[in-house]
Each structure stands twice: as structure tokens, then as C-alpha cells.
Amino acid sequence: MIRIPQMRPESGPPAPRGDFERLLGFVQGHARILVLTGAGLSTSSGIPAYRDGDGRWLRRDPILFQDFMASATVRRRYWARSYFGWQLMERASPNRAHRALVTLEQAGRLSLLVTQNVDGLHAAAGSQGLIELHGRLARVKCLQCHAERDRNEIQQKLASLNPDWRPEVLGYNPDGDAELDAGAYPGFRVADCDRCGGVLKPDVVFFGESVPAERAQAVGQAMARSNGVLVVGSSLVVMSGYRIVRQAAAAGLPVVAVNHGRTRADELLHFKVDGDCVEVLTRTAAALGGDLAA
């Protein structure tokens, strides 16, 4: 079984400390910044984070790709939880941090925005140069015929299949996942592809699954034309994000982070602003002439 990495507080030296003025100088001094965002950017939009400030998980281990593919029981568990979790995700709207990054893009400061989030909020805010590294929950694909469906369409189908299924929701987790009592799953009916009857999967990269090669290639191409990297709201515990920072450091690019608590890549950072990414990015965009009061 694949183990999800657990960062410990004592792992590696802490990053040099930075403040808002130093961050503003970094943004002003680097005209082609590759920005990498994580779950911490969306917590103000009502979407829970994965980890605490020390990188420890705030929830149970997620469903792994290999288990989803191999087990109908695991797929039932996923879709039962997603049936409630999606309702939280759909209600979420972009916050000031998402809009601040749009402002920075419009000011010509970004070479690319790469997000590990699957909530679609960067696109909803208006970001154009965007790579959703792990996909987007709003899309669903059939693993057999590759037909694509809107997640709301699947939600309606699940509702029609389970009209009397009303388990207690114990809580909400990141990425459209709800916590249910273990006894709730057996009664849930899963929707299949209406074209071929195949297995449906959200168009996101599960743990244990690889990021599509074309996305990784696009990030590499953007990094080649960048002169700095800014990490926002990510502890970088997941390898796909950590790999981007390692590639940047190996290429000699300065890497700066805005994040509460430690990151897996602290020893690679030029400095880190330990603060709320919504407030820090809002101040940065305002200092560059952006109006984000709304």
C-alpha cells in the first residue's frame, strides 16, 4: 500500500524568514514568476485544508487510485462521500487571494499559475495562464469510453438512484469529500456511464496516480521562461508540488513561499513569509495598483 508522506516538525532546517516588504521586492524584481498554489489558498473559500502547520494530516488517508480501480466497494465509498462533499465544493467561490493572482497576471508578473487544487476557483476568478496540475472535480470521465460529463449531471443521477438514502454527515474534508458513518456505504448506488456502462471517475489525479505528462511538460516549459517561483498555501508534502520546487532550485531559480507553518522544501526556499496567504497576496496586489476591496 502506498504511504502518504507525513512531514515532521523537526525535518530539515527552517526556511529563512521573510516579511511583506521582502515579498513585495521579490515580486517587483521578477517579471516572470511561476506561481504554485495549494489548499491553503482555498480555506477562506470554505474548503478544508489537508494538513496543519507541521504538515500532519487533518483527516484519514485518502482513497488511492489503485484501490479505486480495483474495488467496487472502494468506488461506492468514494461516490457516497462525494455525493455530499460536492455540494460544499459547488457553493465555494473565489476569495481575494484568487483575485489577487488575477491582478498579478494582468500586470504581466506571472509566467504561469500552477495549482494543486481541484476546486476550479482560479478559473472562476478569471486566471488565464493556468495549469490545474491535479485536474478539476467539476469534470467526470468514463474509464472505458472516455466520455466526459459535468459533475452536476452526475450529481443529479446519483440523487435519482438514491432517493431515500439520507445518512448523517459527520464532517467535511478537502476536495469534495464528506465524512460518513461506515454503515452508510452499503446502501448507496453508484452511477455508471450512460453511454457504455463503464466506471466513472472524477477527472482528478488521485493519490498513487501520475500527473498527466502534458501538464508536467507545460510546467517545465513555463519554468524555462521564468525567473522566480512563488509557492502560496502549500506545505509541498505531495511529490507533484515538491518536484516543481526541486526543479526550480536545480535550475538556479529563487523560490519564495507564503504559507502558515513548515513546508517540505524549507531548505530550498530563499525565504518564507509565515502568514495568511489571502491577506499577504491582497496587500501585494494592492501595492502594485490592484483594487481588491470587494
C-alpha atoms as a PDB file:
ATOM      1  CA  MET A   1       0.000   0.000   0.000  1.00  0.00           C
ATOM      2  CA  ILE A   2       1.285   3.483  -0.896  1.00  0.00           C
ATOM      3  CA  ARG A   3       2.087   5.617   2.105  1.00  0.00           C
ATOM      4  CA  ILE A   4       1.186   9.283   2.104  1.00  0.00           C
ATOM      5  CA  PRO A   5       4.245  11.280   3.264  1.00  0.00           C
ATOM      6  CA  GLN A   6       3.991  12.719   6.750  1.00  0.00           C
ATOM      7  CA  MET A   7       6.260  15.710   7.318  1.00  0.00           C
ATOM      8  CA  ARG A   8       7.590  16.030  10.863  1.00  0.00           C
ATOM      9  CA  PRO A   9       8.239  19.385  12.558  1.00  0.00           C
ATOM     10  CA  GLU A  10      11.893  18.537  13.077  1.00  0.00           C
ATOM     11  CA  SER A  11      12.574  17.531   9.444  1.00  0.00           C
ATOM     12  CA  GLY A  12      15.210  19.786   7.869  1.00  0.00           C
ATOM     13  CA  PRO A  13      16.239  23.347   8.718  1.00  0.00           C
ATOM     14  CA  PRO A  14      13.544  26.036   8.661  1.00  0.00           C
ATOM     15  CA  ALA A  15      13.406  28.454   5.759  1.00  0.00           C
ATOM     16  CA  PRO A  16      14.848  31.953   6.220  1.00  0.00           C
ATOM     17  CA  ARG A  17      12.115  34.251   7.481  1.00  0.00           C
ATOM     18  CA  GLY A  18      10.701  36.903   5.220  1.00  0.00           C
ATOM     19  CA  ASP A  19       8.159  39.690   5.598  1.00  0.00           C
ATOM     20  CA  PHE A  20       5.755  41.556   3.355  1.00  0.00           C
ATOM     21  CA  GLU A  21       8.329  44.137   2.215  1.00  0.00           C
ATOM     22  CA  ARG A  22      10.745  41.431   1.179  1.00  0.00           C
ATOM     23  CA  LEU A  23       7.994  39.602  -0.712  1.00  0.00           C
ATOM     24  CA  LEU A  24       6.925  42.785  -2.472  1.00  0.00           C
ATOM     25  CA  GLY A  25      10.526  43.377  -3.512  1.00  0.00           C
ATOM     26  CA  PHE A  26      10.683  39.828  -4.884  1.00  0.00           C
ATOM     27  CA  VAL A  27       7.536  40.311  -6.968  1.00  0.00           C
ATOM     28  CA  GLN A  28       8.657  43.717  -8.218  1.00  0.00           C
ATOM     29  CA  GLY A  29      12.109  42.375  -9.074  1.00  0.00           C
ATOM     30  CA  HIS A  30      10.971  39.295 -11.002  1.00  0.00           C
ATOM     31  CA  ALA A  31       8.771  39.909 -14.021  1.00  0.00           C
ATOM     32  CA  ARG A  32       8.209  36.244 -14.944  1.00  0.00           C
ATOM     33  CA  ILE A  33       7.107  34.399 -11.802  1.00  0.00           C
ATOM     34  CA  LEU A  34       5.768  30.862 -11.833  1.00  0.00           C
ATOM     35  CA  VAL A  35       3.202  30.627  -9.024  1.00  0.00           C
ATOM     36  CA  LEU A  36       2.339  27.302  -7.384  1.00  0.00           C
ATOM     37  CA  THR A  37      -0.744  27.226  -5.143  1.00  0.00           C
ATOM     38  CA  GLY A  38      -2.122  24.675  -2.704  1.00  0.00           C
ATOM     39  CA  ALA A  39      -5.044  24.005  -0.406  1.00  0.00           C
ATOM     40  CA  GLY A  40      -4.213  26.888   1.947  1.00  0.00           C
ATOM     41  CA  LEU A  41      -5.335  29.323  -0.740  1.00  0.00           C
ATOM     42  CA  SER A  42      -8.911  28.000  -0.692  1.00  0.00           C
ATOM     43  CA  THR A  43      -9.574  27.636   3.022  1.00  0.00           C
ATOM     44  CA  SER A  44     -11.046  31.151   3.095  1.00  0.00           C
ATOM     45  CA  SER A  45     -13.490  29.961   0.448  1.00  0.00           C
ATOM     46  CA  GLY A  46     -14.781  27.357   2.882  1.00  0.00           C
ATOM     47  CA  ILE A  47     -12.820  24.366   1.581  1.00  0.00           C
ATOM     48  CA  PRO A  48     -10.949  22.456   4.317  1.00  0.00           C
ATOM     49  CA  ALA A  49      -7.166  22.043   4.188  1.00  0.00           C
ATOM     50  CA  TYR A  50      -5.310  18.738   4.221  1.00  0.00           C
ATOM     51  CA  ARG A  51      -2.718  19.450   6.879  1.00  0.00           C
ATOM     52  CA  ASP A  52      -1.842  21.517   9.920  1.00  0.00           C
ATOM     53  CA  GLY A  53       1.131  23.874  10.184  1.00  0.00           C
ATOM     54  CA  ASP A  54       3.515  20.959  10.752  1.00  0.00           C
ATOM     55  CA  GLY A  55       2.352  19.052   7.694  1.00  0.00           C
ATOM     56  CA  ARG A  56       0.349  16.478   9.649  1.00  0.00           C
ATOM     57  CA  TRP A  57      -2.867  15.157   8.121  1.00  0.00           C
ATOM     58  CA  LEU A  58      -6.121  16.594   9.454  1.00  0.00           C
ATOM     59  CA  ARG A  59      -8.137  13.696   8.042  1.00  0.00           C
ATOM     60  CA  ARG A  60      -7.961   9.975   7.335  1.00  0.00           C
ATOM     61  CA  ASP A  61      -5.820   8.673   4.495  1.00  0.00           C
ATOM     62  CA  PRO A  62      -7.455   9.433   1.137  1.00  0.00           C
ATOM     63  CA  ILE A  63      -8.653   6.859  -1.374  1.00  0.00           C
ATOM     64  CA  LEU A  64      -5.781   5.647  -3.517  1.00  0.00           C
ATOM     65  CA  PHE A  65      -6.005   5.325  -7.294  1.00  0.00           C
ATOM     66  CA  GLN A  66      -5.086   1.637  -7.261  1.00  0.00           C
ATOM     67  CA  ASP A  67      -7.819   0.862  -4.726  1.00  0.00           C
ATOM     68  CA  PHE A  68     -10.415   2.877  -6.660  1.00  0.00           C
ATOM     69  CA  MET A  69      -9.624   0.941  -9.826  1.00  0.00           C
ATOM     70  CA  ALA A  70      -9.572  -2.474  -8.177  1.00  0.00           C
ATOM     71  CA  SER A  71     -12.589  -2.393  -5.870  1.00  0.00           C
ATOM     72  CA  ALA A  72     -16.273  -1.671  -6.466  1.00  0.00           C
ATOM     73  CA  THR A  73     -16.597  -1.250  -2.699  1.00  0.00           C
ATOM     74  CA  VAL A  74     -13.987   1.491  -2.682  1.00  0.00           C
ATOM     75  CA  ARG A  75     -15.705   3.214  -5.589  1.00  0.00           C
ATOM     76  CA  ARG A  76     -19.007   3.099  -3.695  1.00  0.00           C
ATOM     77  CA  ARG A  77     -17.303   4.651  -0.688  1.00  0.00           C
ATOM     78  CA  TYR A  78     -15.816   7.408  -2.844  1.00  0.00           C
ATOM     79  CA  TRP A  79     -19.062   8.369  -4.602  1.00  0.00           C
ATOM     80  CA  ALA A  80     -21.131   8.175  -1.415  1.00  0.00           C
ATOM     81  CA  ARG A  81     -18.822  10.644   0.291  1.00  0.00           C
ATOM     82  CA  SER A  82     -18.530  12.776  -2.825  1.00  0.00           C
ATOM     83  CA  TYR A  83     -22.322  12.986  -3.093  1.00  0.00           C
ATOM     84  CA  PHE A  84     -22.297  15.267  -0.036  1.00  0.00           C
ATOM     85  CA  GLY A  85     -18.819  16.746  -0.398  1.00  0.00           C
ATOM     86  CA  TRP A  86     -19.532  18.047  -3.887  1.00  0.00           C
ATOM     87  CA  GLN A  87     -22.321  20.214  -2.527  1.00  0.00           C
ATOM     88  CA  LEU A  88     -19.758  22.085  -0.405  1.00  0.00           C
ATOM     89  CA  MET A  89     -17.345  22.448  -3.325  1.00  0.00           C
ATOM     90  CA  GLU A  90     -20.015  23.773  -5.675  1.00  0.00           C
ATOM     91  CA  ARG A  91     -21.012  26.514  -3.229  1.00  0.00           C
ATOM     92  CA  ALA A  92     -17.427  27.763  -2.868  1.00  0.00           C
ATOM     93  CA  SER A  93     -16.448  30.977  -4.626  1.00  0.00           C
ATOM     94  CA  PRO A  94     -13.073  32.644  -5.263  1.00  0.00           C
ATOM     95  CA  ASN A  95     -11.621  34.707  -2.432  1.00  0.00           C
ATOM     96  CA  ARG A  96      -9.351  37.762  -2.502  1.00  0.00           C
ATOM     97  CA  ALA A  97      -6.241  35.606  -2.919  1.00  0.00           C
ATOM     98  CA  HIS A  98      -7.584  34.132  -6.157  1.00  0.00           C
ATOM     99  CA  ARG A  99      -8.436  37.618  -7.391  1.00  0.00           C
ATOM    100  CA  ALA A 100      -5.043  38.951  -6.331  1.00  0.00           C
ATOM    101  CA  LEU A 101      -3.347  36.396  -8.564  1.00  0.00           C
ATOM    102  CA  VAL A 102      -5.554  37.511 -11.456  1.00  0.00           C
ATOM    103  CA  THR A 103      -4.360  41.067 -10.786  1.00  0.00           C
ATOM    104  CA  LEU A 104      -0.717  39.955 -10.837  1.00  0.00           C
ATOM    105  CA  GLU A 105      -1.306  38.090 -14.078  1.00  0.00           C
ATOM    106  CA  GLN A 106      -2.955  41.110 -15.683  1.00  0.00           C
ATOM    107  CA  ALA A 107       0.005  43.215 -14.559  1.00  0.00           C
ATOM    108  CA  GLY A 108       2.270  40.869 -16.540  1.00  0.00           C
ATOM    109  CA  ARG A 109       4.045  39.430 -13.489  1.00  0.00           C
ATOM    110  CA  LEU A 110       3.247  35.742 -13.984  1.00  0.00           C
ATOM    111  CA  SER A 111       4.725  33.276 -16.435  1.00  0.00           C
ATOM    112  CA  LEU A 112       2.225  30.622 -15.330  1.00  0.00           C
ATOM    113  CA  LEU A 113      -0.128  29.808 -12.480  1.00  0.00           C
ATOM    114  CA  VAL A 114       0.050  26.155 -11.416  1.00  0.00           C
ATOM    115  CA  THR A 115      -2.417  24.892  -8.832  1.00  0.00           C
ATOM    116  CA  GLN A 116      -2.574  21.625  -6.941  1.00  0.00           C
ATOM    117  CA  ASN A 117      -6.209  22.415  -6.100  1.00  0.00           C
ATOM    118  CA  VAL A 118      -9.098  20.728  -7.898  1.00  0.00           C
ATOM    119  CA  ASP A 119     -11.783  23.226  -6.874  1.00  0.00           C
ATOM    120  CA  GLY A 120     -11.744  25.282 -10.091  1.00  0.00           C
ATOM    121  CA  LEU A 121     -11.623  28.571  -8.167  1.00  0.00           C
ATOM    122  CA  HIS A 122      -8.655  30.028 -10.052  1.00  0.00           C
ATOM    123  CA  ALA A 123     -10.524  29.645 -13.335  1.00  0.00           C
ATOM    124  CA  ALA A 124     -13.693  31.042 -11.756  1.00  0.00           C
ATOM    125  CA  ALA A 125     -11.702  34.089 -10.604  1.00  0.00           C
ATOM    126  CA  GLY A 126     -10.524  34.719 -14.152  1.00  0.00           C
ATOM    127  CA  SER A 127      -6.978  33.335 -14.301  1.00  0.00           C
ATOM    128  CA  GLN A 128      -5.995  32.645 -17.911  1.00  0.00           C
ATOM    129  CA  GLY A 129      -2.479  31.188 -17.860  1.00  0.00           C
ATOM    130  CA  LEU A 130      -3.418  28.253 -15.637  1.00  0.00           C
ATOM    131  CA  ILE A 131      -2.396  24.627 -15.237  1.00  0.00           C
ATOM    132  CA  GLU A 132      -4.645  22.597 -12.922  1.00  0.00           C
ATOM    133  CA  LEU A 133      -1.982  20.048 -12.048  1.00  0.00           C
ATOM    134  CA  HIS A 134      -4.364  17.559 -10.434  1.00  0.00           C
ATOM    135  CA  GLY A 135      -7.401  18.227 -12.643  1.00  0.00           C
ATOM    136  CA  ARG A 136     -10.820  19.535 -11.637  1.00  0.00           C
ATOM    137  CA  LEU A 137     -13.645  17.915  -9.687  1.00  0.00           C
ATOM    138  CA  ALA A 138     -16.286  19.549 -11.879  1.00  0.00           C
ATOM    139  CA  ARG A 139     -15.429  17.084 -14.677  1.00  0.00           C
ATOM    140  CA  VAL A 140     -16.091  13.342 -14.685  1.00  0.00           C
ATOM    141  CA  LYS A 141     -14.721  10.797 -17.191  1.00  0.00           C
ATOM    142  CA  CYS A 142     -15.651   7.270 -18.144  1.00  0.00           C
ATOM    143  CA  LEU A 143     -12.633   4.993 -17.831  1.00  0.00           C
ATOM    144  CA  GLN A 144     -13.902   2.781 -20.668  1.00  0.00           C
ATOM    145  CA  CYS A 145     -15.208   5.006 -23.475  1.00  0.00           C
ATOM    146  CA  HIS A 146     -13.605   8.247 -22.175  1.00  0.00           C
ATOM    147  CA  ALA A 147     -16.842  10.218 -22.396  1.00  0.00           C
ATOM    148  CA  GLU A 148     -16.777  13.414 -20.316  1.00  0.00           C
ATOM    149  CA  ARG A 149     -19.602  14.556 -18.098  1.00  0.00           C
ATOM    150  CA  ASP A 150     -20.288  17.579 -15.928  1.00  0.00           C
ATOM    151  CA  ARG A 151     -20.158  16.752 -12.223  1.00  0.00           C
ATOM    152  CA  ASN A 152     -23.582  18.334 -11.658  1.00  0.00           C
ATOM    153  CA  GLU A 153     -25.054  15.931 -14.199  1.00  0.00           C
ATOM    154  CA  ILE A 154     -23.619  13.003 -12.237  1.00  0.00           C
ATOM    155  CA  GLN A 155     -24.922  14.537  -9.020  1.00  0.00           C
ATOM    156  CA  GLN A 156     -28.450  14.517 -10.418  1.00  0.00           C
ATOM    157  CA  LYS A 157     -28.064  10.903 -11.486  1.00  0.00           C
ATOM    158  CA  LEU A 158     -26.821   9.910  -8.026  1.00  0.00           C
ATOM    159  CA  ALA A 159     -29.790  11.664  -6.463  1.00  0.00           C
ATOM    160  CA  SER A 160     -32.213   9.760  -8.685  1.00  0.00           C
ATOM    161  CA  LEU A 161     -30.502   6.453  -7.856  1.00  0.00           C
ATOM    162  CA  ASN A 162     -30.585   7.111  -4.110  1.00  0.00           C
ATOM    163  CA  PRO A 163     -33.862   8.951  -3.353  1.00  0.00           C
ATOM    164  CA  ASP A 164     -34.248   7.592   0.193  1.00  0.00           C
ATOM    165  CA  TRP A 165     -30.555   7.477   1.178  1.00  0.00           C
ATOM    166  CA  ARG A 166     -30.026  10.040   3.945  1.00  0.00           C
ATOM    167  CA  PRO A 167     -27.064   9.152   6.176  1.00  0.00           C
ATOM    168  CA  GLU A 168     -25.684  11.528   8.777  1.00  0.00           C
ATOM    169  CA  VAL A 169     -22.802  13.690   7.546  1.00  0.00           C
ATOM    170  CA  LEU A 170     -20.134  13.740  10.261  1.00  0.00           C
ATOM    171  CA  GLY A 171     -17.946  16.406   8.671  1.00  0.00           C
ATOM    172  CA  TYR A 172     -16.315  17.661   5.502  1.00  0.00           C
ATOM    173  CA  ASN A 173     -12.820  17.011   4.184  1.00  0.00           C
ATOM    174  CA  PRO A 174     -10.774  18.583   1.374  1.00  0.00           C
ATOM    175  CA  ASP A 175     -11.552  18.079  -2.297  1.00  0.00           C
ATOM    176  CA  GLY A 176     -15.242  17.327  -2.110  1.00  0.00           C
ATOM    177  CA  ASP A 177     -15.054  14.526   0.437  1.00  0.00           C
ATOM    178  CA  ALA A 178     -17.550  14.132   3.289  1.00  0.00           C
ATOM    179  CA  GLU A 179     -17.152  12.030   6.416  1.00  0.00           C
ATOM    180  CA  LEU A 180     -19.928   9.436   6.804  1.00  0.00           C
ATOM    181  CA  ASP A 181     -20.604   6.628   9.239  1.00  0.00           C
ATOM    182  CA  ALA A 182     -19.164   3.345   7.935  1.00  0.00           C
ATOM    183  CA  GLY A 183     -22.623   1.768   7.982  1.00  0.00           C
ATOM    184  CA  ALA A 184     -23.913   4.210   5.361  1.00  0.00           C
ATOM    185  CA  TYR A 185     -21.999   2.923   2.346  1.00  0.00           C
ATOM    186  CA  PRO A 186     -23.651  -0.448   1.578  1.00  0.00           C
ATOM    187  CA  GLY A 187     -26.982   1.167   0.706  1.00  0.00           C
ATOM    188  CA  PHE A 188     -25.547   3.631  -1.807  1.00  0.00           C
ATOM    189  CA  ARG A 189     -25.934   3.038  -5.556  1.00  0.00           C
ATOM    190  CA  VAL A 190     -23.143   4.241  -7.858  1.00  0.00           C
ATOM    191  CA  ALA A 191     -23.789   5.834 -11.257  1.00  0.00           C
ATOM    192  CA  ASP A 192     -22.216   4.184 -14.312  1.00  0.00           C
ATOM    193  CA  CYS A 193     -21.506   5.719 -17.704  1.00  0.00           C
ATOM    194  CA  ASP A 194     -24.807   6.256 -19.528  1.00  0.00           C
ATOM    195  CA  ARG A 195     -23.085   5.637 -22.861  1.00  0.00           C
ATOM    196  CA  CYS A 196     -21.273   2.334 -22.276  1.00  0.00           C
ATOM    197  CA  GLY A 197     -21.922   1.317 -18.659  1.00  0.00           C
ATOM    198  CA  GLY A 198     -18.279   1.846 -17.737  1.00  0.00           C
ATOM    199  CA  VAL A 199     -16.759   3.061 -14.478  1.00  0.00           C
ATOM    200  CA  LEU A 200     -16.913   6.806 -13.838  1.00  0.00           C
ATOM    201  CA  LYS A 201     -14.037   8.642 -12.183  1.00  0.00           C
ATOM    202  CA  PRO A 202     -13.664  12.344 -11.355  1.00  0.00           C
ATOM    203  CA  ASP A 203     -11.175  13.988 -13.679  1.00  0.00           C
ATOM    204  CA  VAL A 204      -8.634  14.466 -10.905  1.00  0.00           C
ATOM    205  CA  VAL A 205      -5.304  12.866 -10.041  1.00  0.00           C
ATOM    206  CA  PHE A 206      -5.781  10.535  -7.092  1.00  0.00           C
ATOM    207  CA  PHE A 207      -3.001   9.738  -4.652  1.00  0.00           C
ATOM    208  CA  GLY A 208      -0.935   6.998  -6.270  1.00  0.00           C
ATOM    209  CA  GLU A 209      -1.760   8.278  -9.771  1.00  0.00           C
ATOM    210  CA  SER A 210       0.628  10.213 -12.016  1.00  0.00           C
ATOM    211  CA  VAL A 211       0.134  13.782 -13.209  1.00  0.00           C
ATOM    212  CA  PRO A 212      -0.578  13.687 -16.984  1.00  0.00           C
ATOM    213  CA  ALA A 213       2.624  14.118 -18.957  1.00  0.00           C
ATOM    214  CA  GLU A 214       1.341  17.093 -20.962  1.00  0.00           C
ATOM    215  CA  ARG A 215       0.713  19.075 -17.765  1.00  0.00           C
ATOM    216  CA  ALA A 216       4.159  18.306 -16.391  1.00  0.00           C
ATOM    217  CA  GLN A 217       5.666  19.290 -19.745  1.00  0.00           C
ATOM    218  CA  ALA A 218       3.769  22.603 -19.772  1.00  0.00           C
ATOM    219  CA  VAL A 219       5.060  23.396 -16.280  1.00  0.00           C
ATOM    220  CA  GLY A 220       8.626  22.622 -17.382  1.00  0.00           C
ATOM    221  CA  GLN A 221       8.307  24.883 -20.404  1.00  0.00           C
ATOM    222  CA  ALA A 222       6.975  27.715 -18.249  1.00  0.00           C
ATOM    223  CA  MET A 223       9.782  27.249 -15.749  1.00  0.00           C
ATOM    224  CA  ALA A 224      12.319  27.632 -18.547  1.00  0.00           C
ATOM    225  CA  ARG A 225      10.991  31.139 -19.241  1.00  0.00           C
ATOM    226  CA  SER A 226      10.557  32.102 -15.569  1.00  0.00           C
ATOM    227  CA  ASN A 227      12.969  33.953 -13.337  1.00  0.00           C
ATOM    228  CA  GLY A 228      11.413  33.073  -9.989  1.00  0.00           C
ATOM    229  CA  VAL A 229       8.917  30.768  -8.265  1.00  0.00           C
ATOM    230  CA  LEU A 230       6.332  31.731  -5.653  1.00  0.00           C
ATOM    231  CA  VAL A 231       4.631  28.993  -3.598  1.00  0.00           C
ATOM    232  CA  VAL A 232       1.360  30.002  -1.926  1.00  0.00           C
ATOM    233  CA  GLY A 233      -0.644  27.986   0.588  1.00  0.00           C
ATOM    234  CA  SER A 234       1.119  24.649   0.144  1.00  0.00           C
ATOM    235  CA  SER A 235       3.180  22.535   2.534  1.00  0.00           C
ATOM    236  CA  LEU A 236       4.624  20.770  -0.555  1.00  0.00           C
ATOM    237  CA  VAL A 237       4.235  17.357   1.035  1.00  0.00           C
ATOM    238  CA  VAL A 238       2.741  15.903  -2.160  1.00  0.00           C
ATOM    239  CA  MET A 239       5.516  14.983  -4.600  1.00  0.00           C
ATOM    240  CA  SER A 240       3.988  16.712  -7.642  1.00  0.00           C
ATOM    241  CA  GLY A 241       4.357  20.127  -5.992  1.00  0.00           C
ATOM    242  CA  TYR A 242       7.631  19.341  -4.247  1.00  0.00           C
ATOM    243  CA  ARG A 243       9.104  18.193  -7.560  1.00  0.00           C
ATOM    244  CA  ILE A 244       8.377  21.589  -9.145  1.00  0.00           C
ATOM    245  CA  VAL A 245      10.270  23.369  -6.371  1.00  0.00           C
ATOM    246  CA  ARG A 246      13.196  20.967  -6.643  1.00  0.00           C
ATOM    247  CA  GLN A 247      13.347  21.536 -10.399  1.00  0.00           C
ATOM    248  CA  ALA A 248      13.309  25.292  -9.876  1.00  0.00           C
ATOM    249  CA  ALA A 249      16.063  25.152  -7.270  1.00  0.00           C
ATOM    250  CA  ALA A 250      18.167  22.887  -9.513  1.00  0.00           C
ATOM    251  CA  ALA A 251      17.766  25.443 -12.321  1.00  0.00           C
ATOM    252  CA  GLY A 252      19.009  28.199 -10.032  1.00  0.00           C
ATOM    253  CA  LEU A 253      15.667  29.995  -9.752  1.00  0.00           C
ATOM    254  CA  PRO A 254      14.868  31.738  -6.456  1.00  0.00           C
ATOM    255  CA  VAL A 255      11.914  30.096  -4.690  1.00  0.00           C
ATOM    256  CA  VAL A 256       9.829  32.027  -2.159  1.00  0.00           C
ATOM    257  CA  ALA A 257       6.810  30.808  -0.188  1.00  0.00           C
ATOM    258  CA  VAL A 258       3.813  32.276   1.615  1.00  0.00           C
ATOM    259  CA  ASN A 259       2.488  29.603   3.942  1.00  0.00           C
ATOM    260  CA  HIS A 260       1.423  29.004   7.527  1.00  0.00           C
ATOM    261  CA  GLY A 261       3.933  26.612   9.090  1.00  0.00           C
ATOM    262  CA  ARG A 262       6.656  24.471   7.601  1.00  0.00           C
ATOM    263  CA  THR A 263       6.949  23.139   4.094  1.00  0.00           C
ATOM    264  CA  ARG A 264       8.695  20.038   2.851  1.00  0.00           C
ATOM    265  CA  ALA A 265      11.035  22.265   0.828  1.00  0.00           C
ATOM    266  CA  ASP A 266      12.036  24.759   3.541  1.00  0.00           C
ATOM    267  CA  GLU A 267      15.732  24.123   2.920  1.00  0.00           C
ATOM    268  CA  LEU A 268      15.287  25.097  -0.759  1.00  0.00           C
ATOM    269  CA  LEU A 269      13.500  28.389  -0.123  1.00  0.00           C
ATOM    270  CA  HIS A 270      15.173  31.776  -0.369  1.00  0.00           C
ATOM    271  CA  PHE A 271      12.728  32.912   2.302  1.00  0.00           C
ATOM    272  CA  LYS A 272       9.218  32.244   3.544  1.00  0.00           C
ATOM    273  CA  VAL A 273       6.508  34.603   4.755  1.00  0.00           C
ATOM    274  CA  ASP A 274       4.664  32.770   7.530  1.00  0.00           C
ATOM    275  CA  GLY A 275       1.249  34.339   7.267  1.00  0.00           C
ATOM    276  CA  ASP A 276      -2.253  34.214   5.862  1.00  0.00           C
ATOM    277  CA  CYS A 277      -1.930  33.936   2.099  1.00  0.00           C
ATOM    278  CA  VAL A 278      -5.187  35.821   1.450  1.00  0.00           C
ATOM    279  CA  GLU A 279      -4.024  38.870   3.389  1.00  0.00           C
ATOM    280  CA  VAL A 280      -0.455  38.729   2.059  1.00  0.00           C
ATOM    281  CA  LEU A 281      -1.464  38.384  -1.593  1.00  0.00           C
ATOM    282  CA  THR A 282      -4.142  41.060  -1.250  1.00  0.00           C
ATOM    283  CA  ARG A 283      -1.579  43.507   0.139  1.00  0.00           C
ATOM    284  CA  THR A 284       0.879  42.593  -2.615  1.00  0.00           C
ATOM    285  CA  ALA A 285      -1.626  43.136  -5.416  1.00  0.00           C
ATOM    286  CA  ALA A 286      -2.816  46.403  -3.826  1.00  0.00           C
ATOM    287  CA  ALA A 287       0.761  47.661  -3.598  1.00  0.00           C
ATOM    288  CA  LEU A 288       1.078  47.014  -7.337  1.00  0.00           C
ATOM    289  CA  GLY A 289      -2.073  49.005  -8.072  1.00  0.00           C
ATOM    290  CA  GLY A 290      -4.778  46.342  -7.864  1.00  0.00           C
ATOM    291  CA  ASP A 291      -8.120  47.140  -6.197  1.00  0.00           C
ATOM    292  CA  LEU A 292      -9.352  44.042  -4.309  1.00  0.00           C
ATOM    293  CA  ALA A 293     -11.607  45.630  -1.733  1.00  0.00           C
ATOM    294  CA  ALA A 294     -14.705  43.778  -2.985  1.00  0.00           C
END
